[in-house]
Amino acid sequence: MSYYYLILALIIAAAIGFVAGFYIDFLYGFSPDLEDDEDLLPQHYCYECECHTPIVEKEGSFYCSNCGLYH
């Protein structure tokens, strides 16, 4: 019978942690520094680098800032 109480206590603790996490996320949300930062370069997938890298615009053309591949 003690295993039932232990399992019940673990389920209740997990539920309380889950609800507390949602409450904290609702309370604080995203950082305002990350929401309105326009200085960051847009990220696109580069097939040469095989990852998401910042792209740079030069004379109307967009290219990868890492390897220089035009997109």
PDB file of N, CA and C in Angstrom:
ATOM      1  N   MET A   1       0.812  -1.190   0.000  1.00  0.00           N
ATOM      2  CA  MET A   1       0.000   0.000   0.000  1.00  0.00           C
ATOM      3  C   MET A   1       0.862   1.262   0.000  1.00  0.00           C
ATOM      4  N   SER A   2       2.084   1.189   0.525  1.00  0.00           N
ATOM      5  CA  SER A   2       2.938   2.367   0.586  1.00  0.00           C
ATOM      6  C   SER A   2       3.412   2.787  -0.805  1.00  0.00           C
ATOM      7  N   TYR A   3       3.487   1.823  -1.767  1.00  0.00           N
ATOM      8  CA  TYR A   3       3.875   2.167  -3.127  1.00  0.00           C
ATOM      9  C   TYR A   3       2.823   3.048  -3.789  1.00  0.00           C
ATOM     10  N   TYR A   4       1.560   2.813  -3.456  1.00  0.00           N
ATOM     11  CA  TYR A   4       0.490   3.641  -4.016  1.00  0.00           C
ATOM     12  C   TYR A   4       0.627   5.087  -3.548  1.00  0.00           C
ATOM     13  N   TYR A   5       0.966   5.284  -2.282  1.00  0.00           N
ATOM     14  CA  TYR A   5       1.144   6.634  -1.764  1.00  0.00           C
ATOM     15  C   TYR A   5       2.366   7.312  -2.395  1.00  0.00           C
ATOM     16  N   LEU A   6       3.416   6.536  -2.626  1.00  0.00           N
ATOM     17  CA  LEU A   6       4.609   7.083  -3.254  1.00  0.00           C
ATOM     18  C   LEU A   6       4.324   7.498  -4.695  1.00  0.00           C
ATOM     19  N   ILE A   7       3.639   6.658  -5.442  1.00  0.00           N
ATOM     20  CA  ILE A   7       3.284   6.981  -6.825  1.00  0.00           C
ATOM     21  C   ILE A   7       2.342   8.179  -6.862  1.00  0.00           C
ATOM     22  N   LEU A   8       1.374   8.227  -5.963  1.00  0.00           N
ATOM     23  CA  LEU A   8       0.451   9.353  -5.893  1.00  0.00           C
ATOM     24  C   LEU A   8       1.190  10.647  -5.559  1.00  0.00           C
ATOM     25  N   ALA A   9       2.159  10.577  -4.643  1.00  0.00           N
ATOM     26  CA  ALA A   9       2.940  11.757  -4.285  1.00  0.00           C
ATOM     27  C   ALA A   9       3.777  12.237  -5.469  1.00  0.00           C
ATOM     28  N   LEU A  10       4.347  11.316  -6.232  1.00  0.00           N
ATOM     29  CA  LEU A  10       5.127  11.702  -7.412  1.00  0.00           C
ATOM     30  C   LEU A  10       4.247  12.348  -8.478  1.00  0.00           C
ATOM     31  N   ILE A  11       3.063  11.818  -8.699  1.00  0.00           N
ATOM     32  CA  ILE A  11       2.141  12.393  -9.681  1.00  0.00           C
ATOM     33  C   ILE A  11       1.704  13.789  -9.249  1.00  0.00           C
ATOM     34  N   ILE A  12       1.412  13.959  -7.976  1.00  0.00           N
ATOM     35  CA  ILE A  12       1.002  15.273  -7.473  1.00  0.00           C
ATOM     36  C   ILE A  12       2.163  16.270  -7.571  1.00  0.00           C
ATOM     37  N   ALA A  13       3.373  15.851  -7.263  1.00  0.00           N
ATOM     38  CA  ALA A  13       4.533  16.736  -7.358  1.00  0.00           C
ATOM     39  C   ALA A  13       4.784  17.142  -8.807  1.00  0.00           C
ATOM     40  N   ALA A  14       4.638  16.205  -9.744  1.00  0.00           N
ATOM     41  CA  ALA A  14       4.822  16.529 -11.156  1.00  0.00           C
ATOM     42  C   ALA A  14       3.747  17.499 -11.637  1.00  0.00           C
ATOM     43  N   ALA A  15       2.518  17.303 -11.199  1.00  0.00           N
ATOM     44  CA  ALA A  15       1.432  18.199 -11.600  1.00  0.00           C
ATOM     45  C   ALA A  15       1.651  19.601 -11.039  1.00  0.00           C
ATOM     46  N   ILE A  16       2.085  19.699  -9.787  1.00  0.00           N
ATOM     47  CA  ILE A  16       2.359  21.007  -9.190  1.00  0.00           C
ATOM     48  C   ILE A  16       3.502  21.701  -9.930  1.00  0.00           C
ATOM     49  N   GLY A  17       4.540  20.967 -10.275  1.00  0.00           N
ATOM     50  CA  GLY A  17       5.658  21.543 -11.037  1.00  0.00           C
ATOM     51  C   GLY A  17       5.234  22.004 -12.419  1.00  0.00           C
ATOM     52  N   PHE A  18       4.378  21.241 -13.057  1.00  0.00           N
ATOM     53  CA  PHE A  18       3.884  21.587 -14.388  1.00  0.00           C
ATOM     54  C   PHE A  18       3.057  22.876 -14.330  1.00  0.00           C
ATOM     55  N   VAL A  19       2.154  22.960 -13.367  1.00  0.00           N
ATOM     56  CA  VAL A  19       1.313  24.154 -13.217  1.00  0.00           C
ATOM     57  C   VAL A  19       2.165  25.364 -12.830  1.00  0.00           C
ATOM     58  N   ALA A  20       3.135  25.176 -11.956  1.00  0.00           N
ATOM     59  CA  ALA A  20       4.017  26.278 -11.557  1.00  0.00           C
ATOM     60  C   ALA A  20       4.838  26.771 -12.748  1.00  0.00           C
ATOM     61  N   GLY A  21       5.286  25.874 -13.611  1.00  0.00           N
ATOM     62  CA  GLY A  21       6.031  26.271 -14.801  1.00  0.00           C
ATOM     63  C   GLY A  21       5.192  27.104 -15.749  1.00  0.00           C
ATOM     64  N   PHE A  22       3.943  26.698 -15.962  1.00  0.00           N
ATOM     65  CA  PHE A  22       3.054  27.493 -16.808  1.00  0.00           C
ATOM     66  C   PHE A  22       2.785  28.861 -16.192  1.00  0.00           C
ATOM     67  N   TYR A  23       2.609  28.913 -14.877  1.00  0.00           N
ATOM     68  CA  TYR A  23       2.349  30.181 -14.206  1.00  0.00           C
ATOM     69  C   TYR A  23       3.548  31.121 -14.326  1.00  0.00           C
ATOM     70  N   ILE A  24       4.740  30.605 -14.128  1.00  0.00           N
ATOM     71  CA  ILE A  24       5.942  31.439 -14.232  1.00  0.00           C
ATOM     72  C   ILE A  24       6.127  31.923 -15.666  1.00  0.00           C
ATOM     73  N   ASP A  25       5.869  31.061 -16.651  1.00  0.00           N
ATOM     74  CA  ASP A  25       5.977  31.476 -18.046  1.00  0.00           C
ATOM     75  C   ASP A  25       4.941  32.545 -18.363  1.00  0.00           C
ATOM     76  N   PHE A  26       3.732  32.393 -17.863  1.00  0.00           N
ATOM     77  CA  PHE A  26       2.691  33.394 -18.091  1.00  0.00           C
ATOM     78  C   PHE A  26       3.032  34.700 -17.401  1.00  0.00           C
ATOM     79  N   LEU A  27       3.632  34.614 -16.224  1.00  0.00           N
ATOM     80  CA  LEU A  27       3.945  35.797 -15.435  1.00  0.00           C
ATOM     81  C   LEU A  27       5.077  36.608 -16.062  1.00  0.00           C
ATOM     82  N   TYR A  28       6.135  35.950 -16.494  1.00  0.00           N
ATOM     83  CA  TYR A  28       7.303  36.660 -17.002  1.00  0.00           C
ATOM     84  C   TYR A  28       7.353  36.723 -18.517  1.00  0.00           C
ATOM     85  N   GLY A  29       6.943  35.691 -19.224  1.00  0.00           N
ATOM     86  CA  GLY A  29       6.944  35.694 -20.676  1.00  0.00           C
ATOM     87  C   GLY A  29       8.337  35.806 -21.252  1.00  0.00           C
ATOM     88  N   PHE A  30       8.407  36.365 -22.466  1.00  0.00           N
ATOM     89  CA  PHE A  30       9.689  36.537 -23.144  1.00  0.00           C
ATOM     90  C   PHE A  30      10.380  37.794 -22.644  1.00  0.00           C
ATOM     91  N   SER A  31      11.672  37.819 -22.786  1.00  0.00           N
ATOM     92  CA  SER A  31      12.447  38.990 -22.419  1.00  0.00           C
ATOM     93  C   SER A  31      12.193  40.100 -23.434  1.00  0.00           C
ATOM     94  N   PRO A  32      11.948  41.325 -22.994  1.00  0.00           N
ATOM     95  CA  PRO A  32      11.718  42.406 -23.951  1.00  0.00           C
ATOM     96  C   PRO A  32      12.945  42.702 -24.799  1.00  0.00           C
ATOM     97  N   ASP A  33      14.133  42.302 -24.325  1.00  0.00           N
ATOM     98  CA  ASP A  33      15.339  42.530 -25.120  1.00  0.00           C
ATOM     99  C   ASP A  33      15.344  41.657 -26.368  1.00  0.00           C
ATOM    100  N   LEU A  34      14.739  40.477 -26.316  1.00  0.00           N
ATOM    101  CA  LEU A  34      14.743  39.569 -27.449  1.00  0.00           C
ATOM    102  C   LEU A  34      13.589  39.823 -28.408  1.00  0.00           C
ATOM    103  N   GLU A  35      12.501  40.434 -27.939  1.00  0.00           N
ATOM    104  CA  GLU A  35      11.327  40.611 -28.782  1.00  0.00           C
ATOM    105  C   GLU A  35      11.540  41.663 -29.864  1.00  0.00           C
ATOM    106  N   ASP A  36      12.135  42.788 -29.519  1.00  0.00           N
ATOM    107  CA  ASP A  36      12.205  43.922 -30.433  1.00  0.00           C
ATOM    108  C   ASP A  36      13.620  44.210 -30.910  1.00  0.00           C
ATOM    109  N   ASP A  37      14.455  43.211 -30.981  1.00  0.00           N
ATOM    110  CA  ASP A  37      15.828  43.430 -31.415  1.00  0.00           C
ATOM    111  C   ASP A  37      15.890  43.362 -32.931  1.00  0.00           C
ATOM    112  N   GLU A  38      16.012  44.521 -33.570  1.00  0.00           N
ATOM    113  CA  GLU A  38      16.064  44.577 -35.029  1.00  0.00           C
ATOM    114  C   GLU A  38      17.488  44.519 -35.556  1.00  0.00           C
ATOM    115  N   ASP A  39      18.477  44.509 -34.666  1.00  0.00           N
ATOM    116  CA  ASP A  39      19.869  44.469 -35.097  1.00  0.00           C
ATOM    117  C   ASP A  39      20.313  43.071 -35.521  1.00  0.00           C
ATOM    118  N   LEU A  40      19.549  42.048 -35.154  1.00  0.00           N
ATOM    119  CA  LEU A  40      19.927  40.688 -35.509  1.00  0.00           C
ATOM    120  C   LEU A  40      19.688  40.444 -36.989  1.00  0.00           C
ATOM    121  N   LEU A  41      20.592  39.743 -37.625  1.00  0.00           N
ATOM    122  CA  LEU A  41      20.433  39.410 -39.034  1.00  0.00           C
ATOM    123  C   LEU A  41      19.453  38.258 -39.178  1.00  0.00           C
ATOM    124  N   PRO A  42      18.671  38.241 -40.269  1.00  0.00           N
ATOM    125  CA  PRO A  42      17.749  37.113 -40.461  1.00  0.00           C
ATOM    126  C   PRO A  42      18.515  35.821 -40.696  1.00  0.00           C
ATOM    127  N   GLN A  43      17.953  34.726 -40.230  1.00  0.00           N
ATOM    128  CA  GLN A  43      18.597  33.418 -40.343  1.00  0.00           C
ATOM    129  C   GLN A  43      17.926  32.622 -41.464  1.00  0.00           C
ATOM    130  N   HIS A  44      18.718  32.015 -42.319  1.00  0.00           N
ATOM    131  CA  HIS A  44      18.220  31.126 -43.355  1.00  0.00           C
ATOM    132  C   HIS A  44      19.124  29.902 -43.428  1.00  0.00           C
ATOM    133  N   TYR A  45      18.582  28.820 -43.990  1.00  0.00           N
ATOM    134  CA  TYR A  45      19.361  27.585 -44.105  1.00  0.00           C
ATOM    135  C   TYR A  45      20.342  27.713 -45.266  1.00  0.00           C
ATOM    136  N   CYS A  46      21.587  27.454 -45.001  1.00  0.00           N
ATOM    137  CA  CYS A  46      22.621  27.466 -46.044  1.00  0.00           C
ATOM    138  C   CYS A  46      22.952  26.025 -46.394  1.00  0.00           C
ATOM    139  N   TYR A  47      22.849  25.693 -47.675  1.00  0.00           N
ATOM    140  CA  TYR A  47      23.099  24.316 -48.098  1.00  0.00           C
ATOM    141  C   TYR A  47      24.588  23.995 -48.163  1.00  0.00           C
ATOM    142  N   GLU A  48      25.412  25.002 -48.219  1.00  0.00           N
ATOM    143  CA  GLU A  48      26.851  24.767 -48.207  1.00  0.00           C
ATOM    144  C   GLU A  48      27.340  24.506 -46.775  1.00  0.00           C
ATOM    145  N   CYS A  49      26.900  25.339 -45.853  1.00  0.00           N
ATOM    146  CA  CYS A  49      27.297  25.175 -44.447  1.00  0.00           C
ATOM    147  C   CYS A  49      26.464  24.099 -43.734  1.00  0.00           C
ATOM    148  N   GLU A  50      25.301  23.776 -44.286  1.00  0.00           N
ATOM    149  CA  GLU A  50      24.365  22.795 -43.737  1.00  0.00           C
ATOM    150  C   GLU A  50      23.893  23.179 -42.342  1.00  0.00           C
ATOM    151  N   CYS A  51      23.578  24.455 -42.172  1.00  0.00           N
ATOM    152  CA  CYS A  51      23.012  24.939 -40.906  1.00  0.00           C
ATOM    153  C   CYS A  51      22.344  26.287 -41.155  1.00  0.00           C
ATOM    154  N   HIS A  52      21.623  26.782 -40.162  1.00  0.00           N
ATOM    155  CA  HIS A  52      21.029  28.106 -40.255  1.00  0.00           C
ATOM    156  C   HIS A  52      22.093  29.137 -39.915  1.00  0.00           C
ATOM    157  N   THR A  53      22.342  30.048 -40.845  1.00  0.00           N
ATOM    158  CA  THR A  53      23.342  31.084 -40.638  1.00  0.00           C
ATOM    159  C   THR A  53      22.735  32.434 -40.982  1.00  0.00           C
ATOM    160  N   PRO A  54      23.292  33.517 -40.460  1.00  0.00           N
ATOM    161  CA  PRO A  54      22.793  34.846 -40.825  1.00  0.00           C
ATOM    162  C   PRO A  54      23.080  35.147 -42.283  1.00  0.00           C
ATOM    163  N   ILE A  55      22.140  35.832 -42.923  1.00  0.00           N
ATOM    164  CA  ILE A  55      22.360  36.242 -44.302  1.00  0.00           C
ATOM    165  C   ILE A  55      22.602  37.737 -44.346  1.00  0.00           C
ATOM    166  N   VAL A  56      23.365  38.191 -45.338  1.00  0.00           N
ATOM    167  CA  VAL A  56      23.732  39.590 -45.492  1.00  0.00           C
ATOM    168  C   VAL A  56      23.287  40.035 -46.877  1.00  0.00           C
ATOM    169  N   GLU A  57      22.780  41.275 -46.969  1.00  0.00           N
ATOM    170  CA  GLU A  57      22.367  41.820 -48.264  1.00  0.00           C
ATOM    171  C   GLU A  57      23.458  42.753 -48.768  1.00  0.00           C
ATOM    172  N   LYS A  58      23.851  42.532 -50.028  1.00  0.00           N
ATOM    173  CA  LYS A  58      24.850  43.393 -50.656  1.00  0.00           C
ATOM    174  C   LYS A  58      24.416  43.631 -52.091  1.00  0.00           C
ATOM    175  N   GLU A  59      24.112  44.871 -52.428  1.00  0.00           N
ATOM    176  CA  GLU A  59      23.677  45.283 -53.759  1.00  0.00           C
ATOM    177  C   GLU A  59      22.456  44.505 -54.220  1.00  0.00           C
ATOM    178  N   GLY A  60      21.524  44.288 -53.334  1.00  0.00           N
ATOM    179  CA  GLY A  60      20.281  43.603 -53.676  1.00  0.00           C
ATOM    180  C   GLY A  60      20.362  42.090 -53.675  1.00  0.00           C
ATOM    181  N   SER A  61      21.529  41.520 -53.468  1.00  0.00           N
ATOM    182  CA  SER A  61      21.684  40.061 -53.419  1.00  0.00           C
ATOM    183  C   SER A  61      21.906  39.635 -51.970  1.00  0.00           C
ATOM    184  N   PHE A  62      21.352  38.494 -51.642  1.00  0.00           N
ATOM    185  CA  PHE A  62      21.527  37.941 -50.300  1.00  0.00           C
ATOM    186  C   PHE A  62      22.547  36.817 -50.360  1.00  0.00           C
ATOM    187  N   TYR A  63      23.469  36.814 -49.401  1.00  0.00           N
ATOM    188  CA  TYR A  63      24.452  35.737 -49.343  1.00  0.00           C
ATOM    189  C   TYR A  63      24.730  35.356 -47.902  1.00  0.00           C
ATOM    190  N   CYS A  64      25.254  34.162 -47.753  1.00  0.00           N
ATOM    191  CA  CYS A  64      25.571  33.608 -46.438  1.00  0.00           C
ATOM    192  C   CYS A  64      26.752  34.376 -45.847  1.00  0.00           C
ATOM    193  N   SER A  65      26.620  34.781 -44.595  1.00  0.00           N
ATOM    194  CA  SER A  65      27.711  35.520 -43.958  1.00  0.00           C
ATOM    195  C   SER A  65      28.863  34.609 -43.561  1.00  0.00           C
ATOM    196  N   ASN A  66      28.643  33.291 -43.607  1.00  0.00           N
ATOM    197  CA  ASN A  66      29.679  32.351 -43.208  1.00  0.00           C
ATOM    198  C   ASN A  66      30.542  31.927 -44.401  1.00  0.00           C
ATOM    199  N   CYS A  67      29.892  31.470 -45.481  1.00  0.00           N
ATOM    200  CA  CYS A  67      30.658  30.927 -46.606  1.00  0.00           C
ATOM    201  C   CYS A  67      30.570  31.775 -47.868  1.00  0.00           C
ATOM    202  N   GLY A  68      29.596  32.700 -47.941  1.00  0.00           N
ATOM    203  CA  GLY A  68      29.478  33.571 -49.105  1.00  0.00           C
ATOM    204  C   GLY A  68      28.596  33.031 -50.213  1.00  0.00           C
ATOM    205  N   LEU A  69      27.900  31.917 -50.006  1.00  0.00           N
ATOM    206  CA  LEU A  69      27.012  31.353 -51.013  1.00  0.00           C
ATOM    207  C   LEU A  69      25.809  32.270 -51.206  1.00  0.00           C
ATOM    208  N   TYR A  70      25.522  32.615 -52.473  1.00  0.00           N
ATOM    209  CA  TYR A  70      24.374  33.481 -52.764  1.00  0.00           C
ATOM    210  C   TYR A  70      23.082  32.701 -52.675  1.00  0.00           C
ATOM    211  N   HIS A  71      22.053  33.339 -52.109  1.00  0.00           N
ATOM    212  CA  HIS A  71      20.748  32.705 -51.956  1.00  0.00           C
ATOM    213  C   HIS A  71      19.749  33.374 -52.869  1.00  0.00           C
TER     214      HIS A  71
END
